[in-house]
Amino acid sequence: MGAGPATRAVSLGWRVVRFVGVVVALHAPSWLSVWIFQTPLAEERPLFNLDLLVAAALACVSTLAGGVALVLAWSADVIRAAAKNYHFMSAFDFIDAARFADMLDLRTFLSASLLGAVTGFLLCLWLVLRLTHRSGALAWPLLILAVLAAGGDAANGSFHIFGLDKDSRIVNMNFAGSPAWNVWRTERQSLSASGPPSPMRDPASFRALRDWQAAHPGQTSMLVLVESMGLPRDPALRDWMARRLTTPRLGARWSIQVADEEFVGSTTSGELRTLCGLQGHYARLNNDIAAGCLPRRLASQGVISTGIHGFGLRMFDRSEWWPRAGLQPWRWAEHGASMPMNCNQAFPGVCDSAVLEEAVRQAQAPGRFVYALTLDTHLPLDIRRAAPLPAELQAACAASSTPEQACRMIHELGEVLEHLESTLAASKATPFLVVVGDHMPPFSETSNRESFAAHRVPMFVMTPR
């Protein structure tokens, strides 16, 4: 005797609930991060993840294979988002950076939100595998949803696979996407994969240093690359930060031009931009191309070029490619003096105060090019031991609705510029100096991230009077 209508209705209802449950569990991490936590680049994230839908369909047939596919699909999504957030040129560049993890204090990155996110991912994985276990018939609705989502995305003009994206869209949303395909595509298109570094369109900081040195051969110049010094969008905050360096006492000795320039990529990209005028990956900097870098050019004039950083030179292989670019790395251990240490909780090293003081000290000698790379403003900032914000800055942040974390970053950047100002004011020599940011702060929250210009960094060109 066959099942009655009520039994069939209950069975159909359960299958619908299970299907909806699988779809929601698959996309809950992405949907929650976009709609609740307002993660950056939300407009690029797809409403439906094709990788996850296919992986869940596979789980309906094989729990083990489906579980592995789900972990890989979620990992591709997380790695791609993290790589874009931290300005890496591709996901594989971000993965490659993991070989330096032993140099970091990884405990700093542990937080309640991170533990909650990991727990949430594991819960979603368990729920998907539980709902798809021995449910082969559920695979077809999941695959059909993937096809419909892809078709809707193509009709909307936002489907990037197979070149189906269009300049205009019906709705400003991605209905479907494949992070795994995006990872593969960006790796193929990344500068590190496509060839050696190439000249930037307008490397203003490099050009300023190059042109001044060409007009003043053999004289001393300095470059200070400030970690995460982004360009505040609010004019009052830009002005507050600039006034930390553009003081009357420095103005009496230097003509200070306040400007900005375009950045591409992470810190090492900023180094290639400012030292060599190049855009690309440091690992592809060969001797022929490095001949155009400023330190190599200055060597022909008898200028000694030194690179100073507070962190280990093994990080991002600076001990290898800095000399190729013409820099003599400054090794703190060889000089024995006691230095202030660990002003950044995640990147333990010599504090920026000592780095800047050493750079200015070396710039007192003639025939020098001194490059200083700061560190202490690298995220995450240690809010627990931070000083109170100045009233003027608090008022400017409140007036512009700038979030506390972004305001705190502006304050910390101002502290770096203030220390450089006081160190320069106490010095005797007046070298040519360029101070510029490497990239905008890589905040993970949209509200903090949007407090800074997306593709510009501040630049100060200080010409001796």
Protein backbone atom coordinates (compact mmCIF):
# COMPACT_ATOMS: atom_id res chain seq x y z
CA MET A 1 0.00 0.00 0.00
CA GLY A 2 1.62 3.32 -1.16
CA ALA A 3 2.28 6.34 0.94
CA GLY A 4 -0.61 8.73 1.40
CA PRO A 5 -0.70 12.36 0.30
CA ALA A 6 0.13 13.55 3.82
CA THR A 7 3.21 11.32 3.99
CA ARG A 8 4.39 12.49 0.57
CA ALA A 9 3.83 16.11 1.59
CA VAL A 10 5.89 15.65 4.75
CA SER A 11 8.65 13.94 2.75
CA LEU A 12 8.67 16.73 0.17
CA GLY A 13 8.66 19.35 2.92
CA TRP A 14 11.62 17.72 4.62
CA ARG A 15 13.55 17.61 1.34
CA VAL A 16 12.86 21.32 0.79
CA VAL A 17 13.96 22.14 4.33
CA ARG A 18 17.10 20.07 3.89
CA PHE A 19 17.89 21.77 0.56
CA VAL A 20 17.39 25.25 2.04
CA GLY A 21 19.42 24.27 5.10
CA VAL A 22 22.33 23.15 2.95
CA VAL A 23 22.27 26.33 0.85
CA VAL A 24 22.09 28.57 3.92
CA ALA A 25 24.85 26.66 5.75
CA LEU A 26 27.09 26.87 2.69
CA HIS A 27 26.74 30.62 2.35
CA ALA A 28 26.25 31.72 5.96
CA PRO A 29 29.92 32.73 6.49
CA SER A 30 29.92 34.92 3.38
CA TRP A 31 26.44 36.37 3.90
CA LEU A 32 27.09 37.17 7.56
CA SER A 33 30.46 38.78 6.83
CA VAL A 34 28.88 41.02 4.20
CA TRP A 35 25.57 41.92 5.84
CA ILE A 36 26.52 42.00 9.53
CA PHE A 37 30.25 42.63 9.79
CA GLN A 38 30.47 44.72 6.61
CA THR A 39 33.68 43.19 5.32
CA PRO A 40 35.39 45.10 2.49
CA LEU A 41 34.82 44.46 -1.19
CA ALA A 42 31.34 43.17 -0.43
CA GLU A 43 30.17 44.18 -3.89
CA GLU A 44 32.59 41.64 -5.36
CA ARG A 45 31.38 38.70 -3.26
CA PRO A 46 28.85 36.46 -5.01
CA LEU A 47 25.42 35.76 -3.59
CA PHE A 48 25.88 32.08 -4.51
CA ASN A 49 29.26 30.36 -4.39
CA LEU A 50 29.42 27.88 -7.27
CA ASP A 51 32.38 26.03 -5.74
CA LEU A 52 30.44 25.36 -2.55
CA LEU A 53 27.29 24.25 -4.39
CA VAL A 54 29.27 21.75 -6.48
CA ALA A 55 31.16 20.54 -3.38
CA ALA A 56 27.87 20.02 -1.52
CA ALA A 57 26.51 18.07 -4.49
CA LEU A 58 29.61 15.89 -4.31
CA ALA A 59 29.01 15.38 -0.58
CA CYS A 60 25.61 13.91 -1.43
CA VAL A 61 27.47 11.08 -3.13
CA SER A 62 30.62 10.83 -0.98
CA THR A 63 30.88 12.44 2.45
CA LEU A 64 34.67 12.24 2.48
CA ALA A 65 35.19 13.67 -1.01
CA GLY A 66 32.54 16.31 -0.42
CA GLY A 67 34.07 17.31 2.92
CA VAL A 68 37.48 17.77 1.33
CA ALA A 69 35.96 19.75 -1.54
CA LEU A 70 34.05 21.98 0.90
CA VAL A 71 37.18 22.74 2.92
CA LEU A 72 39.11 23.56 -0.26
CA ALA A 73 36.29 25.77 -1.58
CA TRP A 74 35.96 27.71 1.68
CA SER A 75 39.75 28.00 1.89
CA ALA A 76 39.93 29.46 -1.61
CA ASP A 77 37.33 32.04 -0.67
CA VAL A 78 39.06 33.01 2.59
CA ILE A 79 42.54 33.14 1.04
CA ARG A 80 41.34 35.23 -1.89
CA ALA A 81 39.60 37.71 0.43
CA ALA A 82 42.61 37.92 2.75
CA ALA A 83 45.02 38.43 -0.14
CA LYS A 84 42.96 41.30 -1.52
CA ASN A 85 42.52 42.78 1.94
CA TYR A 86 46.28 42.86 2.60
CA HIS A 87 47.08 44.15 -0.91
CA PHE A 88 48.87 41.01 -2.11
CA MET A 89 49.01 40.75 -5.89
CA SER A 90 47.65 37.21 -5.89
CA ALA A 91 46.44 34.51 -3.53
CA PHE A 92 49.62 32.52 -4.12
CA ASP A 93 51.73 35.49 -3.00
CA PHE A 94 49.69 35.48 0.21
CA ILE A 95 50.19 31.73 0.65
CA ASP A 96 53.92 32.12 0.01
CA ALA A 97 54.13 34.64 2.86
CA ALA A 98 53.20 31.84 5.28
CA ARG A 99 56.85 30.69 5.23
CA PHE A 100 57.67 33.73 7.37
CA ALA A 101 55.01 32.96 10.00
CA ASP A 102 57.65 31.79 12.48
CA MET A 103 58.90 35.38 12.70
CA LEU A 104 55.56 36.69 13.94
CA ASP A 105 53.89 36.57 17.32
CA LEU A 106 50.86 34.63 16.11
CA ARG A 107 49.14 34.94 19.49
CA THR A 108 48.39 38.54 18.56
CA PHE A 109 46.10 37.41 15.78
CA LEU A 110 44.03 35.21 18.11
CA SER A 111 40.82 36.94 19.06
CA ALA A 112 37.27 36.14 20.03
CA SER A 113 36.07 37.08 16.55
CA LEU A 114 38.62 34.77 14.88
CA LEU A 115 37.75 31.86 17.17
CA GLY A 116 34.07 32.54 16.53
CA ALA A 117 34.65 32.53 12.77
CA VAL A 118 36.52 29.21 12.89
CA THR A 119 33.80 27.70 15.08
CA GLY A 120 31.17 28.97 12.67
CA PHE A 121 32.95 27.42 9.68
CA LEU A 122 33.21 24.06 11.44
CA LEU A 123 29.54 24.19 12.42
CA CYS A 124 28.53 24.96 8.83
CA LEU A 125 30.74 22.12 7.56
CA TRP A 126 29.19 19.67 10.02
CA LEU A 127 25.67 20.80 9.14
CA VAL A 128 26.21 20.48 5.38
CA LEU A 129 27.74 17.02 5.71
CA ARG A 130 24.94 15.94 8.06
CA LEU A 131 22.19 17.15 5.72
CA THR A 132 23.77 15.72 2.56
CA HIS A 133 24.70 12.32 4.04
CA ARG A 134 23.21 9.54 1.89
CA SER A 135 21.09 12.07 0.01
CA GLY A 136 22.03 11.47 -3.61
CA ALA A 137 18.78 12.96 -4.89
CA LEU A 138 19.71 16.30 -3.26
CA ALA A 139 22.68 16.69 -5.60
CA TRP A 140 20.49 17.60 -8.56
CA PRO A 141 18.70 20.59 -6.95
CA LEU A 142 22.09 21.92 -5.80
CA LEU A 143 23.55 21.62 -9.31
CA ILE A 144 20.41 23.16 -10.83
CA LEU A 145 20.71 26.11 -8.41
CA ALA A 146 24.34 26.54 -9.49
CA VAL A 147 23.32 26.60 -13.16
CA LEU A 148 20.44 29.05 -12.52
CA ALA A 149 22.66 31.34 -10.44
CA ALA A 150 25.34 31.33 -13.12
CA GLY A 151 22.72 32.03 -15.80
CA GLY A 152 21.26 34.91 -13.80
CA ASP A 153 24.74 36.31 -13.25
CA ALA A 154 25.51 36.11 -16.97
CA ALA A 155 22.23 37.84 -17.82
CA ASN A 156 23.06 40.53 -15.26
CA GLY A 157 26.44 41.09 -16.91
CA SER A 158 28.49 40.26 -13.79
CA PHE A 159 29.58 36.71 -14.61
CA HIS A 160 33.37 36.92 -15.09
CA ILE A 161 33.98 33.32 -16.15
CA PHE A 162 34.41 32.75 -19.91
CA GLY A 163 34.49 36.51 -20.47
CA LEU A 164 30.72 36.93 -20.06
CA ASP A 165 30.96 40.04 -17.87
CA LYS A 166 29.70 43.33 -19.32
CA ASP A 167 30.47 46.99 -18.74
CA SER A 168 26.91 47.67 -17.59
CA ARG A 169 24.86 45.64 -15.12
CA ILE A 170 21.15 45.40 -14.50
CA VAL A 171 21.67 45.04 -10.73
CA ASN A 172 24.87 45.97 -8.89
CA MET A 173 25.33 42.48 -7.49
CA ASN A 174 27.15 39.25 -8.29
CA PHE A 175 24.62 36.42 -8.26
CA ALA A 176 27.20 33.69 -8.73
CA GLY A 177 30.94 33.32 -8.56
CA SER A 178 33.78 30.86 -8.17
CA PRO A 179 36.55 31.95 -5.77
CA ALA A 180 38.65 28.96 -6.87
CA TRP A 181 38.47 30.15 -10.48
CA ASN A 182 39.27 33.69 -9.35
CA VAL A 183 42.35 32.44 -7.48
CA TRP A 184 43.51 30.62 -10.61
CA ARG A 185 42.79 33.62 -12.82
CA THR A 186 44.52 36.17 -10.57
CA GLU A 187 47.58 33.95 -10.32
CA ARG A 188 47.79 33.78 -14.11
CA GLN A 189 47.34 37.55 -14.35
CA SER A 190 49.49 38.51 -11.35
CA LEU A 191 52.60 40.52 -11.98
CA SER A 192 54.77 37.89 -10.34
CA ALA A 193 53.48 35.26 -12.75
CA SER A 194 53.49 37.37 -15.90
CA GLY A 195 57.11 38.49 -15.83
CA PRO A 196 59.71 40.77 -14.27
CA PRO A 197 58.79 44.12 -12.68
CA SER A 198 57.83 46.87 -15.09
CA PRO A 199 57.95 50.67 -14.84
CA MET A 200 55.07 52.31 -13.00
CA ARG A 201 53.03 54.93 -14.78
CA ASP A 202 53.79 57.71 -12.30
CA PRO A 203 56.17 56.79 -9.44
CA ALA A 204 56.20 60.30 -7.99
CA SER A 205 58.38 59.50 -4.96
CA PHE A 206 61.02 57.69 -7.03
CA ARG A 207 61.00 60.45 -9.62
CA ALA A 208 61.47 63.15 -6.97
CA LEU A 209 64.50 61.35 -5.52
CA ARG A 210 65.96 60.54 -8.93
CA ASP A 211 65.59 64.08 -10.29
CA TRP A 212 67.03 65.74 -7.19
CA GLN A 213 70.01 63.42 -7.16
CA ALA A 214 70.58 64.06 -10.87
CA ALA A 215 70.72 67.79 -10.12
CA HIS A 216 72.84 67.31 -6.97
CA PRO A 217 75.17 64.40 -7.71
CA GLY A 218 76.90 62.85 -4.74
CA GLN A 219 74.83 64.65 -2.11
CA THR A 220 72.88 62.98 0.70
CA SER A 221 69.22 62.06 0.45
CA MET A 222 66.74 60.05 2.51
CA LEU A 223 63.65 57.96 1.85
CA VAL A 224 61.29 57.01 4.66
CA LEU A 225 58.59 54.47 3.75
CA VAL A 226 55.93 54.51 6.47
CA GLU A 227 54.05 51.27 7.14
CA SER A 228 50.28 51.52 6.42
CA MET A 229 50.36 55.31 6.00
CA GLY A 230 47.17 55.70 4.00
CA LEU A 231 45.64 58.96 2.81
CA PRO A 232 42.70 59.96 5.05
CA ARG A 233 39.66 60.84 3.00
CA ASP A 234 38.61 63.66 5.33
CA PRO A 235 40.53 66.92 4.62
CA ALA A 236 40.70 67.85 8.32
CA LEU A 237 42.29 64.50 9.17
CA ARG A 238 44.74 64.81 6.25
CA ASP A 239 45.68 68.25 7.52
CA TRP A 240 46.08 67.04 11.12
CA MET A 241 48.43 64.27 10.04
CA ALA A 242 50.44 66.50 7.70
CA ARG A 243 50.99 69.09 10.42
CA ARG A 244 52.87 66.51 12.50
CA LEU A 245 55.74 66.89 10.01
CA THR A 246 55.24 70.26 8.31
CA THR A 247 56.17 72.40 11.32
CA PRO A 248 57.61 75.96 11.17
CA ARG A 249 60.99 74.84 12.48
CA LEU A 250 61.37 72.29 9.69
CA GLY A 251 59.91 74.77 7.22
CA ALA A 252 62.78 77.11 8.00
CA ARG A 253 65.26 74.49 6.69
CA TRP A 254 63.22 72.57 4.13
CA SER A 255 60.68 73.52 1.51
CA ILE A 256 58.00 70.88 2.17
CA GLN A 257 55.60 69.81 -0.58
CA VAL A 258 52.57 67.82 0.58
CA ALA A 259 51.23 65.52 -2.15
CA ASP A 260 50.14 61.95 -2.72
CA GLU A 261 50.88 59.11 -5.11
CA GLU A 262 49.29 55.91 -6.36
CA PHE A 263 50.16 52.63 -4.69
CA VAL A 264 49.82 49.08 -5.97
CA GLY A 265 50.32 46.00 -3.79
CA SER A 266 51.73 45.39 -0.33
CA THR A 267 54.82 46.76 1.45
CA THR A 268 57.42 45.14 -0.80
CA SER A 269 55.56 46.58 -3.80
CA GLY A 270 55.83 49.97 -2.11
CA GLU A 271 59.57 49.42 -1.78
CA LEU A 272 59.96 48.64 -5.47
CA ARG A 273 57.81 51.66 -6.32
CA THR A 274 59.87 54.11 -4.27
CA LEU A 275 63.35 52.63 -4.70
CA CYS A 276 63.10 51.57 -8.35
CA GLY A 277 59.98 53.12 -9.88
CA LEU A 278 58.76 49.61 -10.64
CA GLN A 279 55.55 47.66 -10.31
CA GLY A 280 55.87 43.93 -9.73
CA HIS A 281 57.15 41.25 -7.40
CA TYR A 282 60.50 41.53 -5.68
CA ALA A 283 61.32 37.88 -6.42
CA ARG A 284 61.43 38.71 -10.14
CA LEU A 285 63.86 41.61 -9.72
CA ASN A 286 66.95 40.47 -11.64
CA ASN A 287 70.31 42.23 -11.83
CA ASP A 288 69.59 43.85 -15.20
CA ILE A 289 66.34 45.43 -14.06
CA ALA A 290 67.77 46.34 -10.64
CA ALA A 291 70.39 48.46 -12.41
CA GLY A 292 67.72 51.15 -12.73
CA CYS A 293 67.02 51.24 -8.99
CA LEU A 294 68.09 54.44 -7.27
CA PRO A 295 70.73 52.88 -4.95
CA ARG A 296 72.43 51.19 -7.93
CA ARG A 297 72.39 54.45 -9.88
CA LEU A 298 73.86 56.38 -6.97
CA ALA A 299 76.67 53.87 -6.52
CA SER A 300 78.19 55.14 -9.77
CA GLN A 301 78.49 58.56 -8.08
CA GLY A 302 80.21 57.08 -5.06
CA VAL A 303 77.10 57.33 -2.89
CA ILE A 304 76.73 54.67 -0.18
CA SER A 305 73.15 53.38 0.14
CA THR A 306 71.89 51.82 3.37
CA GLY A 307 68.55 50.11 4.10
CA ILE A 308 67.28 50.22 7.70
CA HIS A 309 64.35 48.19 9.02
CA GLY A 310 63.39 47.18 12.53
CA PHE A 311 62.30 43.66 11.61
CA GLY A 312 64.28 40.60 10.56
CA LEU A 313 65.78 40.92 7.10
CA ARG A 314 64.71 37.36 6.27
CA MET A 315 61.13 38.64 6.10
CA PHE A 316 60.18 38.86 2.43
CA ASP A 317 63.77 37.96 1.54
CA ARG A 318 65.09 41.50 2.03
CA SER A 319 68.54 40.16 2.86
CA GLU A 320 68.66 38.89 -0.74
CA TRP A 321 66.96 41.47 -2.93
CA TRP A 322 67.95 44.65 -1.07
CA PRO A 323 71.63 44.17 -2.04
CA ARG A 324 70.51 43.40 -5.60
CA ALA A 325 68.79 46.80 -5.65
CA GLY A 326 71.98 48.40 -4.31
CA LEU A 327 71.15 48.69 -0.60
CA GLN A 328 73.51 47.65 2.17
CA PRO A 329 71.21 46.18 4.86
CA TRP A 330 71.77 47.65 8.32
CA ARG A 331 72.18 44.78 10.78
CA TRP A 332 71.36 45.83 14.31
CA ALA A 333 73.05 42.85 15.95
CA GLU A 334 76.42 43.88 14.53
CA HIS A 335 76.33 47.22 16.33
CA GLY A 336 75.65 45.96 19.82
CA ALA A 337 73.80 48.96 21.23
CA SER A 338 70.68 48.42 23.33
CA MET A 339 67.61 49.41 21.33
CA PRO A 340 63.94 49.88 22.24
CA MET A 341 62.17 46.74 21.09
CA ASN A 342 58.74 45.28 20.32
CA CYS A 343 56.61 48.38 19.83
CA ASN A 344 54.41 46.29 17.51
CA GLN A 345 52.82 43.31 19.21
CA ALA A 346 52.61 41.11 16.10
CA PHE A 347 55.96 42.00 14.52
CA PRO A 348 58.58 42.07 17.31
CA GLY A 349 61.56 44.16 16.30
CA VAL A 350 63.43 47.40 16.82
CA CYS A 351 61.01 50.28 17.43
CA ASP A 352 60.45 52.95 14.80
CA SER A 353 61.93 55.62 17.08
CA ALA A 354 65.33 53.92 16.88
CA VAL A 355 64.99 53.23 13.16
CA LEU A 356 64.27 56.89 12.38
CA GLU A 357 67.00 58.16 14.69
CA GLU A 358 69.56 55.84 13.10
CA ALA A 359 68.46 56.89 9.61
CA VAL A 360 68.79 60.59 10.41
CA ARG A 361 72.15 59.97 12.11
CA GLN A 362 73.54 58.27 9.01
CA ALA A 363 72.15 61.04 6.80
CA GLN A 364 74.43 63.53 8.57
CA ALA A 365 77.37 62.20 6.53
CA PRO A 366 77.95 63.37 2.94
CA GLY A 367 77.49 61.08 -0.02
CA ARG A 368 74.80 58.89 1.53
CA PHE A 369 71.41 57.55 0.53
CA VAL A 370 69.53 56.29 3.58
CA TYR A 371 66.35 54.26 3.24
CA ALA A 372 64.24 53.63 6.36
CA LEU A 373 61.23 51.31 6.45
CA THR A 374 59.02 51.67 9.53
CA LEU A 375 57.09 48.88 11.24
CA ASP A 376 55.14 49.90 14.35
CA THR A 377 51.94 50.97 12.54
CA HIS A 378 51.45 47.51 11.05
CA LEU A 379 48.03 46.07 11.90
CA PRO A 380 46.87 44.86 14.34
CA LEU A 381 47.53 47.86 16.58
CA ASP A 382 47.92 47.30 20.29
CA ILE A 383 45.03 49.39 21.58
CA ARG A 384 45.62 48.34 25.19
CA ARG A 385 48.78 50.39 25.65
CA ALA A 386 47.84 53.22 23.32
CA ALA A 387 47.92 56.81 24.56
CA PRO A 388 44.69 58.85 24.71
CA LEU A 389 43.78 60.57 21.47
CA PRO A 390 44.45 64.33 21.33
CA ALA A 391 41.31 66.43 21.68
CA GLU A 392 41.81 68.05 18.27
CA LEU A 393 42.03 64.67 16.56
CA GLN A 394 39.05 63.30 18.48
CA ALA A 395 36.98 66.27 17.36
CA ALA A 396 38.03 65.86 13.72
CA CYS A 397 37.23 62.13 13.79
CA ALA A 398 33.83 62.81 15.37
CA ALA A 399 33.02 65.50 12.81
CA SER A 400 33.85 63.17 9.92
CA SER A 401 32.27 60.06 11.54
CA THR A 402 35.63 58.29 11.35
CA PRO A 403 35.55 55.03 13.38
CA GLU A 404 37.75 54.66 16.44
CA GLN A 405 40.16 52.13 14.89
CA ALA A 406 40.81 54.32 11.84
CA CYS A 407 41.19 57.36 14.07
CA ARG A 408 43.65 55.45 16.22
CA MET A 409 45.65 54.52 13.12
CA ILE A 410 45.83 58.18 12.07
CA HIS A 411 47.09 59.03 15.55
CA GLU A 412 49.77 56.32 15.43
CA LEU A 413 50.90 57.53 12.01
CA GLY A 414 51.02 61.05 13.39
CA GLU A 415 53.25 59.78 16.21
CA VAL A 416 55.71 58.39 13.66
CA LEU A 417 55.77 61.68 11.74
CA GLU A 418 56.16 63.65 14.98
CA HIS A 419 59.17 61.60 16.02
CA LEU A 420 60.73 62.06 12.60
CA GLU A 421 60.08 65.80 12.88
CA SER A 422 61.75 66.11 16.27
CA THR A 423 64.71 63.99 15.15
CA LEU A 424 65.22 66.09 12.02
CA ALA A 425 64.86 69.32 14.00
CA ALA A 426 67.64 68.22 16.37
CA SER A 427 69.98 67.25 13.50
CA LYS A 428 72.55 69.50 11.85
CA ALA A 429 72.53 68.35 8.24
CA THR A 430 69.65 69.12 5.88
CA PRO A 431 69.40 66.27 3.36
CA PHE A 432 66.81 65.93 0.64
CA LEU A 433 64.01 63.78 2.04
CA VAL A 434 60.94 61.93 0.77
CA VAL A 435 58.43 60.50 3.27
CA VAL A 436 55.68 58.35 1.77
CA GLY A 437 53.27 55.56 2.68
CA ASP A 438 53.58 52.02 1.37
CA HIS A 439 49.84 51.26 1.18
CA MET A 440 46.54 52.10 2.86
CA PRO A 441 45.85 50.35 6.19
CA PRO A 442 44.50 46.84 5.48
CA PHE A 443 41.52 47.05 7.82
CA SER A 444 39.06 44.18 7.45
CA GLU A 445 35.98 46.30 8.27
CA THR A 446 34.54 48.52 5.57
CA SER A 447 33.89 51.48 7.87
CA ASN A 448 37.56 51.67 8.91
CA ARG A 449 38.88 50.86 5.46
CA GLU A 450 36.80 53.53 3.75
CA SER A 451 38.27 56.19 6.00
CA PHE A 452 41.29 56.10 3.66
CA ALA A 453 41.65 56.61 -0.08
CA ALA A 454 41.58 53.30 -1.90
CA HIS A 455 44.59 53.77 -4.20
CA ARG A 456 46.56 56.78 -2.90
CA VAL A 457 49.08 57.34 -0.13
CA PRO A 458 50.46 60.62 1.33
CA MET A 459 53.83 61.90 0.22
CA PHE A 460 56.05 64.63 1.66
CA VAL A 461 58.89 65.97 -0.49
CA MET A 462 61.35 67.96 1.64
CA THR A 463 63.88 70.02 -0.34
CA PRO A 464 66.71 71.80 1.49
CA ARG A 465 66.36 75.57 1.36
